[in-house]
Amino acid sequence: MQISCQVNLFGGLQVAAGNKTVRLTLPAGATVEQVLEELIALYGNKMEVQLKNMITREFVDYLLLINQKPVRLLANLDKPVQNGDELLVLSICSGG
């Protein structure tokens, strides 16, 4: 069984994908981390440098909205994605 989800991207992620919206089909039980890995598989290095620290190869933190509910990406990598979910990925900006 498979699920379908929509991922909305902004900023550098949108540039890397060449599109604001990406529809993915994944195995049932797929997690947020698997969604991100699928984006990297589809768009290669230009997506990987946006999503991962290129020294440690670990994901960097983004604000993730799942069906319009905000969560921190790194704290929810193992969260299962449901069929029809809409994910929105936003970079966390800091400044002073």
PDB file of N, CA and C in Angstrom:
ATOM      1  N   MET A   1       0.838  -1.183   0.000  1.00  0.00           N
ATOM      2  CA  MET A   1       0.000   0.000   0.000  1.00  0.00           C
ATOM      3  C   MET A   1       0.880   1.243   0.000  1.00  0.00           C
ATOM      4  N   GLN A   2       0.401   2.276  -0.658  1.00  0.00           N
ATOM      5  CA  GLN A   2       1.164   3.518  -0.736  1.00  0.00           C
ATOM      6  C   GLN A   2       0.317   4.692  -0.272  1.00  0.00           C
ATOM      7  N   ILE A   3       1.028   5.774   0.059  1.00  0.00           N
ATOM      8  CA  ILE A   3       0.367   7.021   0.427  1.00  0.00           C
ATOM      9  C   ILE A   3       0.825   8.118  -0.522  1.00  0.00           C
ATOM     10  N   SER A   4       0.041   9.154  -0.587  1.00  0.00           N
ATOM     11  CA  SER A   4       0.389  10.323  -1.387  1.00  0.00           C
ATOM     12  C   SER A   4       0.374  11.536  -0.467  1.00  0.00           C
ATOM     13  N   CYS A   5       1.372  12.399  -0.614  1.00  0.00           N
ATOM     14  CA  CYS A   5       1.400  13.632   0.163  1.00  0.00           C
ATOM     15  C   CYS A   5       1.887  14.770  -0.724  1.00  0.00           C
ATOM     16  N   GLN A   6       1.590  15.970  -0.289  1.00  0.00           N
ATOM     17  CA  GLN A   6       2.033  17.162  -1.003  1.00  0.00           C
ATOM     18  C   GLN A   6       3.016  17.907  -0.118  1.00  0.00           C
ATOM     19  N   VAL A   7       4.129  18.325  -0.709  1.00  0.00           N
ATOM     20  CA  VAL A   7       5.139  19.091   0.028  1.00  0.00           C
ATOM     21  C   VAL A   7       5.243  20.463  -0.628  1.00  0.00           C
ATOM     22  N   ASN A   8       5.029  21.504   0.174  1.00  0.00           N
ATOM     23  CA  ASN A   8       5.150  22.886  -0.303  1.00  0.00           C
ATOM     24  C   ASN A   8       6.494  23.432   0.158  1.00  0.00           C
ATOM     25  N   LEU A   9       7.237  23.998  -0.771  1.00  0.00           N
ATOM     26  CA  LEU A   9       8.603  24.440  -0.508  1.00  0.00           C
ATOM     27  C   LEU A   9       8.734  25.942  -0.727  1.00  0.00           C
ATOM     28  N   PHE A  10       9.634  26.557   0.020  1.00  0.00           N
ATOM     29  CA  PHE A  10       9.887  27.984  -0.098  1.00  0.00           C
ATOM     30  C   PHE A  10      11.386  28.240  -0.113  1.00  0.00           C
ATOM     31  N   GLY A  11      11.772  29.413  -0.576  1.00  0.00           N
ATOM     32  CA  GLY A  11      13.169  29.845  -0.563  1.00  0.00           C
ATOM     33  C   GLY A  11      14.073  28.917  -1.352  1.00  0.00           C
ATOM     34  N   GLY A  12      15.200  28.568  -0.747  1.00  0.00           N
ATOM     35  CA  GLY A  12      16.193  27.729  -1.402  1.00  0.00           C
ATOM     36  C   GLY A  12      15.671  26.350  -1.750  1.00  0.00           C
ATOM     37  N   LEU A  13      14.738  25.843  -0.962  1.00  0.00           N
ATOM     38  CA  LEU A  13      14.150  24.540  -1.263  1.00  0.00           C
ATOM     39  C   LEU A  13      13.335  24.601  -2.549  1.00  0.00           C
ATOM     40  N   GLN A  14      12.595  25.679  -2.709  1.00  0.00           N
ATOM     41  CA  GLN A  14      11.803  25.869  -3.927  1.00  0.00           C
ATOM     42  C   GLN A  14      12.720  26.002  -5.141  1.00  0.00           C
ATOM     43  N   VAL A  15      13.801  26.744  -4.986  1.00  0.00           N
ATOM     44  CA  VAL A  15      14.762  26.903  -6.073  1.00  0.00           C
ATOM     45  C   VAL A  15      15.379  25.548  -6.424  1.00  0.00           C
ATOM     46  N   ALA A  16      15.736  24.765  -5.418  1.00  0.00           N
ATOM     47  CA  ALA A  16      16.349  23.461  -5.657  1.00  0.00           C
ATOM     48  C   ALA A  16      15.414  22.518  -6.416  1.00  0.00           C
ATOM     49  N   ALA A  17      14.124  22.581  -6.095  1.00  0.00           N
ATOM     50  CA  ALA A  17      13.152  21.709  -6.757  1.00  0.00           C
ATOM     51  C   ALA A  17      12.675  22.282  -8.081  1.00  0.00           C
ATOM     52  N   GLY A  18      12.835  23.590  -8.250  1.00  0.00           N
ATOM     53  CA  GLY A  18      12.327  24.223  -9.460  1.00  0.00           C
ATOM     54  C   GLY A  18      10.815  24.310  -9.468  1.00  0.00           C
ATOM     55  N   ASN A  19      10.228  24.151  -8.290  1.00  0.00           N
ATOM     56  CA  ASN A  19       8.777  24.151  -8.172  1.00  0.00           C
ATOM     57  C   ASN A  19       8.396  24.421  -6.723  1.00  0.00           C
ATOM     58  N   LYS A  20       7.278  25.053  -6.527  1.00  0.00           N
ATOM     59  CA  LYS A  20       6.819  25.346  -5.173  1.00  0.00           C
ATOM     60  C   LYS A  20       6.136  24.146  -4.527  1.00  0.00           C
ATOM     61  N   THR A  21       5.530  23.294  -5.338  1.00  0.00           N
ATOM     62  CA  THR A  21       4.777  22.159  -4.817  1.00  0.00           C
ATOM     63  C   THR A  21       5.275  20.870  -5.443  1.00  0.00           C
ATOM     64  N   VAL A  22       5.478  19.857  -4.593  1.00  0.00           N
ATOM     65  CA  VAL A  22       5.915  18.539  -5.041  1.00  0.00           C
ATOM     66  C   VAL A  22       4.936  17.507  -4.487  1.00  0.00           C
ATOM     67  N   ARG A  23       4.448  16.651  -5.340  1.00  0.00           N
ATOM     68  CA  ARG A  23       3.585  15.535  -4.909  1.00  0.00           C
ATOM     69  C   ARG A  23       4.442  14.275  -4.857  1.00  0.00           C
ATOM     70  N   LEU A  24       4.360  13.569  -3.729  1.00  0.00           N
ATOM     71  CA  LEU A  24       5.149  12.359  -3.550  1.00  0.00           C
ATOM     72  C   LEU A  24       4.239  11.164  -3.294  1.00  0.00           C
ATOM     73  N   THR A  25       4.647  10.018  -3.792  1.00  0.00           N
ATOM     74  CA  THR A  25       4.009   8.749  -3.474  1.00  0.00           C
ATOM     75  C   THR A  25       5.048   7.914  -2.749  1.00  0.00           C
ATOM     76  N   LEU A  26       4.693   7.474  -1.542  1.00  0.00           N
ATOM     77  CA  LEU A  26       5.633   6.776  -0.672  1.00  0.00           C
ATOM     78  C   LEU A  26       4.965   5.520  -0.114  1.00  0.00           C
ATOM     79  N   PRO A  27       5.755   4.592   0.426  1.00  0.00           N
ATOM     80  CA  PRO A  27       5.166   3.417   1.060  1.00  0.00           C
ATOM     81  C   PRO A  27       4.354   3.820   2.300  1.00  0.00           C
ATOM     82  N   ALA A  28       3.292   3.102   2.568  1.00  0.00           N
ATOM     83  CA  ALA A  28       2.518   3.345   3.792  1.00  0.00           C
ATOM     84  C   ALA A  28       3.454   3.246   4.988  1.00  0.00           C
ATOM     85  N   GLY A  29       3.269   4.123   5.957  1.00  0.00           N
ATOM     86  CA  GLY A  29       4.132   4.146   7.139  1.00  0.00           C
ATOM     87  C   GLY A  29       5.356   5.015   6.976  1.00  0.00           C
ATOM     88  N   ALA A  30       5.501   5.675   5.817  1.00  0.00           N
ATOM     89  CA  ALA A  30       6.656   6.545   5.587  1.00  0.00           C
ATOM     90  C   ALA A  30       6.686   7.662   6.624  1.00  0.00           C
ATOM     91  N   THR A  31       7.879   8.102   6.949  1.00  0.00           N
ATOM     92  CA  THR A  31       8.077   9.141   7.959  1.00  0.00           C
ATOM     93  C   THR A  31       8.481  10.457   7.305  1.00  0.00           C
ATOM     94  N   VAL A  32       8.511  11.505   8.114  1.00  0.00           N
ATOM     95  CA  VAL A  32       8.983  12.805   7.644  1.00  0.00           C
ATOM     96  C   VAL A  32      10.395  12.673   7.079  1.00  0.00           C
ATOM     97  N   GLU A  33      11.240  11.915   7.743  1.00  0.00           N
ATOM     98  CA  GLU A  33      12.611  11.728   7.244  1.00  0.00           C
ATOM     99  C   GLU A  33      12.604  11.091   5.853  1.00  0.00           C
ATOM    100  N   GLN A  34      11.731  10.139   5.619  1.00  0.00           N
ATOM    101  CA  GLN A  34      11.650   9.503   4.307  1.00  0.00           C
ATOM    102  C   GLN A  34      11.150  10.478   3.242  1.00  0.00           C
ATOM    103  N   VAL A  35      10.282  11.388   3.618  1.00  0.00           N
ATOM    104  CA  VAL A  35       9.842  12.432   2.689  1.00  0.00           C
ATOM    105  C   VAL A  35      11.040  13.269   2.272  1.00  0.00           C
ATOM    106  N   LEU A  36      11.853  13.684   3.241  1.00  0.00           N
ATOM    107  CA  LEU A  36      13.026  14.508   2.945  1.00  0.00           C
ATOM    108  C   LEU A  36      14.038  13.747   2.090  1.00  0.00           C
ATOM    109  N   GLU A  37      14.245  12.484   2.405  1.00  0.00           N
ATOM    110  CA  GLU A  37      15.182  11.672   1.609  1.00  0.00           C
ATOM    111  C   GLU A  37      14.671  11.506   0.176  1.00  0.00           C
ATOM    112  N   GLU A  38      13.362  11.406   0.008  1.00  0.00           N
ATOM    113  CA  GLU A  38      12.796  11.310  -1.340  1.00  0.00           C
ATOM    114  C   GLU A  38      13.018  12.605  -2.120  1.00  0.00           C
ATOM    115  N   LEU A  39      12.900  13.750  -1.436  1.00  0.00           N
ATOM    116  CA  LEU A  39      13.185  15.025  -2.095  1.00  0.00           C
ATOM    117  C   LEU A  39      14.636  15.073  -2.568  1.00  0.00           C
ATOM    118  N   ILE A  40      15.542  14.582  -1.733  1.00  0.00           N
ATOM    119  CA  ILE A  40      16.962  14.544  -2.110  1.00  0.00           C
ATOM    120  C   ILE A  40      17.168  13.588  -3.286  1.00  0.00           C
ATOM    121  N   ALA A  41      16.494  12.432  -3.259  1.00  0.00           N
ATOM    122  CA  ALA A  41      16.616  11.472  -4.359  1.00  0.00           C
ATOM    123  C   ALA A  41      16.115  12.076  -5.671  1.00  0.00           C
ATOM    124  N   LEU A  42      15.057  12.866  -5.603  1.00  0.00           N
ATOM    125  CA  LEU A  42      14.489  13.472  -6.805  1.00  0.00           C
ATOM    126  C   LEU A  42      15.310  14.640  -7.343  1.00  0.00           C
ATOM    127  N   TYR A  43      15.842  15.471  -6.439  1.00  0.00           N
ATOM    128  CA  TYR A  43      16.472  16.728  -6.865  1.00  0.00           C
ATOM    129  C   TYR A  43      17.971  16.800  -6.602  1.00  0.00           C
ATOM    130  N   GLY A  44      18.542  15.749  -6.060  1.00  0.00           N
ATOM    131  CA  GLY A  44      19.984  15.637  -5.947  1.00  0.00           C
ATOM    132  C   GLY A  44      20.663  16.596  -4.986  1.00  0.00           C
ATOM    133  N   ASN A  45      21.901  16.897  -5.325  1.00  0.00           N
ATOM    134  CA  ASN A  45      22.775  17.675  -4.453  1.00  0.00           C
ATOM    135  C   ASN A  45      22.220  19.060  -4.137  1.00  0.00           C
ATOM    136  N   LYS A  46      21.556  19.691  -5.094  1.00  0.00           N
ATOM    137  CA  LYS A  46      21.048  21.040  -4.827  1.00  0.00           C
ATOM    138  C   LYS A  46      19.984  21.023  -3.724  1.00  0.00           C
ATOM    139  N   MET A  47      19.251  19.910  -3.578  1.00  0.00           N
ATOM    140  CA  MET A  47      18.294  19.793  -2.473  1.00  0.00           C
ATOM    141  C   MET A  47      19.017  19.374  -1.191  1.00  0.00           C
ATOM    142  N   GLU A  48      19.977  18.480  -1.327  1.00  0.00           N
ATOM    143  CA  GLU A  48      20.700  17.995  -0.154  1.00  0.00           C
ATOM    144  C   GLU A  48      21.410  19.128   0.580  1.00  0.00           C
ATOM    145  N   VAL A  49      22.025  20.060  -0.149  1.00  0.00           N
ATOM    146  CA  VAL A  49      22.731  21.157   0.521  1.00  0.00           C
ATOM    147  C   VAL A  49      21.767  22.096   1.239  1.00  0.00           C
ATOM    148  N   GLN A  50      20.506  22.094   0.847  1.00  0.00           N
ATOM    149  CA  GLN A  50      19.497  22.896   1.548  1.00  0.00           C
ATOM    150  C   GLN A  50      19.015  22.204   2.820  1.00  0.00           C
ATOM    151  N   LEU A  51      18.900  20.882   2.773  1.00  0.00           N
ATOM    152  CA  LEU A  51      18.290  20.135   3.871  1.00  0.00           C
ATOM    153  C   LEU A  51      19.285  19.595   4.901  1.00  0.00           C
ATOM    154  N   LYS A  52      20.549  19.437   4.488  1.00  0.00           N
ATOM    155  CA  LYS A  52      21.509  18.806   5.393  1.00  0.00           C
ATOM    156  C   LYS A  52      22.741  19.675   5.620  1.00  0.00           C
ATOM    157  N   ASN A  53      23.330  19.512   6.787  1.00  0.00           N
ATOM    158  CA  ASN A  53      24.642  20.073   7.069  1.00  0.00           C
ATOM    159  C   ASN A  53      25.633  19.229   6.275  1.00  0.00           C
ATOM    160  N   MET A  54      26.365  19.836   5.385  1.00  0.00           N
ATOM    161  CA  MET A  54      27.208  19.073   4.477  1.00  0.00           C
ATOM    162  C   MET A  54      28.477  18.521   5.141  1.00  0.00           C
ATOM    163  N   ILE A  55      28.751  18.911   6.361  1.00  0.00           N
ATOM    164  CA  ILE A  55      29.876  18.329   7.096  1.00  0.00           C
ATOM    165  C   ILE A  55      29.426  17.083   7.849  1.00  0.00           C
ATOM    166  N   THR A  56      28.323  17.205   8.589  1.00  0.00           N
ATOM    167  CA  THR A  56      27.841  16.077   9.389  1.00  0.00           C
ATOM    168  C   THR A  56      26.875  15.176   8.623  1.00  0.00           C
ATOM    169  N   ARG A  57      26.312  15.677   7.521  1.00  0.00           N
ATOM    170  CA  ARG A  57      25.300  14.970   6.719  1.00  0.00           C
ATOM    171  C   ARG A  57      24.003  14.735   7.505  1.00  0.00           C
ATOM    172  N   GLU A  58      23.806  15.505   8.556  1.00  0.00           N
ATOM    173  CA  GLU A  58      22.565  15.432   9.320  1.00  0.00           C
ATOM    174  C   GLU A  58      21.620  16.530   8.844  1.00  0.00           C
ATOM    175  N   PHE A  59      20.329  16.303   9.017  1.00  0.00           N
ATOM    176  CA  PHE A  59      19.352  17.306   8.623  1.00  0.00           C
ATOM    177  C   PHE A  59      19.493  18.542   9.492  1.00  0.00           C
ATOM    178  N   VAL A  60      19.278  19.702   8.900  1.00  0.00           N
ATOM    179  CA  VAL A  60      19.226  20.952   9.653  1.00  0.00           C
ATOM    180  C   VAL A  60      17.772  21.210  10.018  1.00  0.00           C
ATOM    181  N   ASP A  61      17.558  22.046  11.014  1.00  0.00           N
ATOM    182  CA  ASP A  61      16.199  22.259  11.506  1.00  0.00           C
ATOM    183  C   ASP A  61      15.444  23.250  10.631  1.00  0.00           C
ATOM    184  N   TYR A  62      14.241  22.911  10.325  1.00  0.00           N
ATOM    185  CA  TYR A  62      13.298  23.757   9.607  1.00  0.00           C
ATOM    186  C   TYR A  62      12.005  23.778  10.395  1.00  0.00           C
ATOM    187  N   LEU A  63      11.203  24.781  10.135  1.00  0.00           N
ATOM    188  CA  LEU A  63       9.844  24.765  10.658  1.00  0.00           C
ATOM    189  C   LEU A  63       9.019  23.940   9.689  1.00  0.00           C
ATOM    190  N   LEU A  64       8.330  22.970  10.192  1.00  0.00           N
ATOM    191  CA  LEU A  64       7.525  22.078   9.375  1.00  0.00           C
ATOM    192  C   LEU A  64       6.077  22.226   9.804  1.00  0.00           C
ATOM    193  N   LEU A  65       5.210  22.457   8.848  1.00  0.00           N
ATOM    194  CA  LEU A  65       3.781  22.457   9.116  1.00  0.00           C
ATOM    195  C   LEU A  65       3.195  21.212   8.470  1.00  0.00           C
ATOM    196  N   ILE A  66       2.522  20.426   9.258  1.00  0.00           N
ATOM    197  CA  ILE A  66       1.835  19.244   8.756  1.00  0.00           C
ATOM    198  C   ILE A  66       0.348  19.524   8.890  1.00  0.00           C
ATOM    199  N   ASN A  67      -0.312  19.650   7.763  1.00  0.00           N
ATOM    200  CA  ASN A  67      -1.734  20.010   7.749  1.00  0.00           C
ATOM    201  C   ASN A  67      -1.982  21.278   8.566  1.00  0.00           C
ATOM    202  N   GLN A  68      -1.103  22.262   8.379  1.00  0.00           N
ATOM    203  CA  GLN A  68      -1.176  23.597   8.972  1.00  0.00           C
ATOM    204  C   GLN A  68      -0.888  23.623  10.476  1.00  0.00           C
ATOM    205  N   LYS A  69      -0.356  22.530  11.024  1.00  0.00           N
ATOM    206  CA  LYS A  69       0.025  22.501  12.442  1.00  0.00           C
ATOM    207  C   LYS A  69       1.547  22.543  12.525  1.00  0.00           C
ATOM    208  N   PRO A  70       2.105  23.578  13.169  1.00  0.00           N
ATOM    209  CA  PRO A  70       3.558  23.727  13.200  1.00  0.00           C
ATOM    210  C   PRO A  70       4.244  22.741  14.152  1.00  0.00           C
ATOM    211  N   VAL A  71       5.347  22.173  13.675  1.00  0.00           N
ATOM    212  CA  VAL A  71       6.213  21.307  14.480  1.00  0.00           C
ATOM    213  C   VAL A  71       7.658  21.581  14.066  1.00  0.00           C
ATOM    214  N   ARG A  72       8.594  21.254  14.923  1.00  0.00           N
ATOM    215  CA  ARG A  72      10.006  21.373  14.570  1.00  0.00           C
ATOM    216  C   ARG A  72      10.424  20.122  13.809  1.00  0.00           C
ATOM    217  N   LEU A  73      11.096  20.315  12.698  1.00  0.00           N
ATOM    218  CA  LEU A  73      11.460  19.217  11.828  1.00  0.00           C
ATOM    219  C   LEU A  73      12.308  18.174  12.542  1.00  0.00           C
ATOM    220  N   LEU A  74      13.393  18.588  13.179  1.00  0.00           N
ATOM    221  CA  LEU A  74      14.308  17.621  13.784  1.00  0.00           C
ATOM    222  C   LEU A  74      13.654  16.794  14.880  1.00  0.00           C
ATOM    223  N   ALA A  75      12.694  17.359  15.573  1.00  0.00           N
ATOM    224  CA  ALA A  75      12.007  16.630  16.632  1.00  0.00           C
ATOM    225  C   ALA A  75      10.948  15.681  16.086  1.00  0.00           C
ATOM    226  N   ASN A  76      10.692  15.738  14.782  1.00  0.00           N
ATOM    227  CA  ASN A  76       9.611  14.949  14.199  1.00  0.00           C
ATOM    228  C   ASN A  76      10.031  14.135  12.977  1.00  0.00           C
ATOM    229  N   LEU A  77      11.327  13.833  12.850  1.00  0.00           N
ATOM    230  CA  LEU A  77      11.786  13.062  11.703  1.00  0.00           C
ATOM    231  C   LEU A  77      11.131  11.683  11.637  1.00  0.00           C
ATOM    232  N   ASP A  78      10.800  11.112  12.795  1.00  0.00           N
ATOM    233  CA  ASP A  78      10.209   9.774  12.820  1.00  0.00           C
ATOM    234  C   ASP A  78       8.680   9.780  12.800  1.00  0.00           C
ATOM    235  N   LYS A  79       8.084  10.960  12.642  1.00  0.00           N
ATOM    236  CA  LYS A  79       6.625  11.071  12.611  1.00  0.00           C
ATOM    237  C   LYS A  79       6.095  10.471  11.312  1.00  0.00           C
ATOM    238  N   PRO A  80       5.120   9.561  11.403  1.00  0.00           N
ATOM    239  CA  PRO A  80       4.540   8.990  10.187  1.00  0.00           C
ATOM    240  C   PRO A  80       3.741  10.028   9.399  1.00  0.00           C
ATOM    241  N   VAL A  81       3.828   9.939   8.097  1.00  0.00           N
ATOM    242  CA  VAL A  81       3.060  10.793   7.195  1.00  0.00           C
ATOM    243  C   VAL A  81       1.835   9.997   6.763  1.00  0.00           C
ATOM    244  N   GLN A  82       0.686  10.648   6.781  1.00  0.00           N
ATOM    245  CA  GLN A  82      -0.566   9.980   6.420  1.00  0.00           C
ATOM    246  C   GLN A  82      -0.943  10.302   4.982  1.00  0.00           C
ATOM    247  N   ASN A  83      -1.727   9.442   4.385  1.00  0.00           N
ATOM    248  CA  ASN A  83      -2.218   9.679   3.046  1.00  0.00           C
ATOM    249  C   ASN A  83      -2.976  11.003   3.000  1.00  0.00           C
ATOM    250  N   GLY A  84      -2.639  11.850   2.038  1.00  0.00           N
ATOM    251  CA  GLY A  84      -3.299  13.142   1.883  1.00  0.00           C
ATOM    252  C   GLY A  84      -2.705  14.268   2.702  1.00  0.00           C
ATOM    253  N   ASP A  85      -1.680  13.990   3.516  1.00  0.00           N
ATOM    254  CA  ASP A  85      -1.051  15.053   4.315  1.00  0.00           C
ATOM    255  C   ASP A  85      -0.454  16.128   3.413  1.00  0.00           C
ATOM    256  N   GLU A  86      -0.484  17.347   3.930  1.00  0.00           N
ATOM    257  CA  GLU A  86       0.176  18.470   3.273  1.00  0.00           C
ATOM    258  C   GLU A  86       1.277  18.960   4.198  1.00  0.00           C
ATOM    259  N   LEU A  87       2.506  18.940   3.707  1.00  0.00           N
ATOM    260  CA  LEU A  87       3.654  19.392   4.483  1.00  0.00           C
ATOM    261  C   LEU A  87       4.165  20.692   3.893  1.00  0.00           C
ATOM    262  N   LEU A  88       4.489  21.630   4.741  1.00  0.00           N
ATOM    263  CA  LEU A  88       5.053  22.894   4.333  1.00  0.00           C
ATOM    264  C   LEU A  88       6.371  23.054   5.064  1.00  0.00           C
ATOM    265  N   VAL A  89       7.455  23.306   4.332  1.00  0.00           N
ATOM    266  CA  VAL A  89       8.787  23.378   4.921  1.00  0.00           C
ATOM    267  C   VAL A  89       9.306  24.802   4.797  1.00  0.00           C
ATOM    268  N   LEU A  90       9.588  25.419   5.942  1.00  0.00           N
ATOM    269  CA  LEU A  90      10.079  26.799   5.999  1.00  0.00           C
ATOM    270  C   LEU A  90      11.391  26.861   6.762  1.00  0.00           C
ATOM    271  N   SER A  91      12.341  27.639   6.256  1.00  0.00           N
ATOM    272  CA  SER A  91      13.592  27.796   6.991  1.00  0.00           C
ATOM    273  C   SER A  91      13.344  28.643   8.239  1.00  0.00           C
ATOM    274  N   ILE A  92      14.091  28.341   9.268  1.00  0.00           N
ATOM    275  CA  ILE A  92      14.026  29.099  10.513  1.00  0.00           C
ATOM    276  C   ILE A  92      15.051  30.216  10.410  1.00  0.00           C
ATOM    277  N   CYS A  93      14.581  31.436  10.429  1.00  0.00           N
ATOM    278  CA  CYS A  93      15.475  32.585  10.300  1.00  0.00           C
ATOM    279  C   CYS A  93      15.753  33.178  11.661  1.00  0.00           C
ATOM    280  N   SER A  94      16.965  33.603  11.832  1.00  0.00           N
ATOM    281  CA  SER A  94      17.313  34.320  13.045  1.00  0.00           C
ATOM    282  C   SER A  94      18.066  35.570  12.644  1.00  0.00           C
ATOM    283  N   GLY A  95      18.000  36.509  13.481  1.00  0.00           N
ATOM    284  CA  GLY A  95      18.692  37.749  13.165  1.00  0.00           C
ATOM    285  C   GLY A  95      18.843  38.583  14.415  1.00  0.00           C
ATOM    286  N   GLY A  96      19.385  39.723  14.228  1.00  0.00           N
ATOM    287  CA  GLY A  96      19.558  40.561  15.402  1.00  0.00           C
ATOM    288  C   GLY A  96      19.671  41.992  15.033  1.00  0.00           C
TER     289      GLY A  96
END
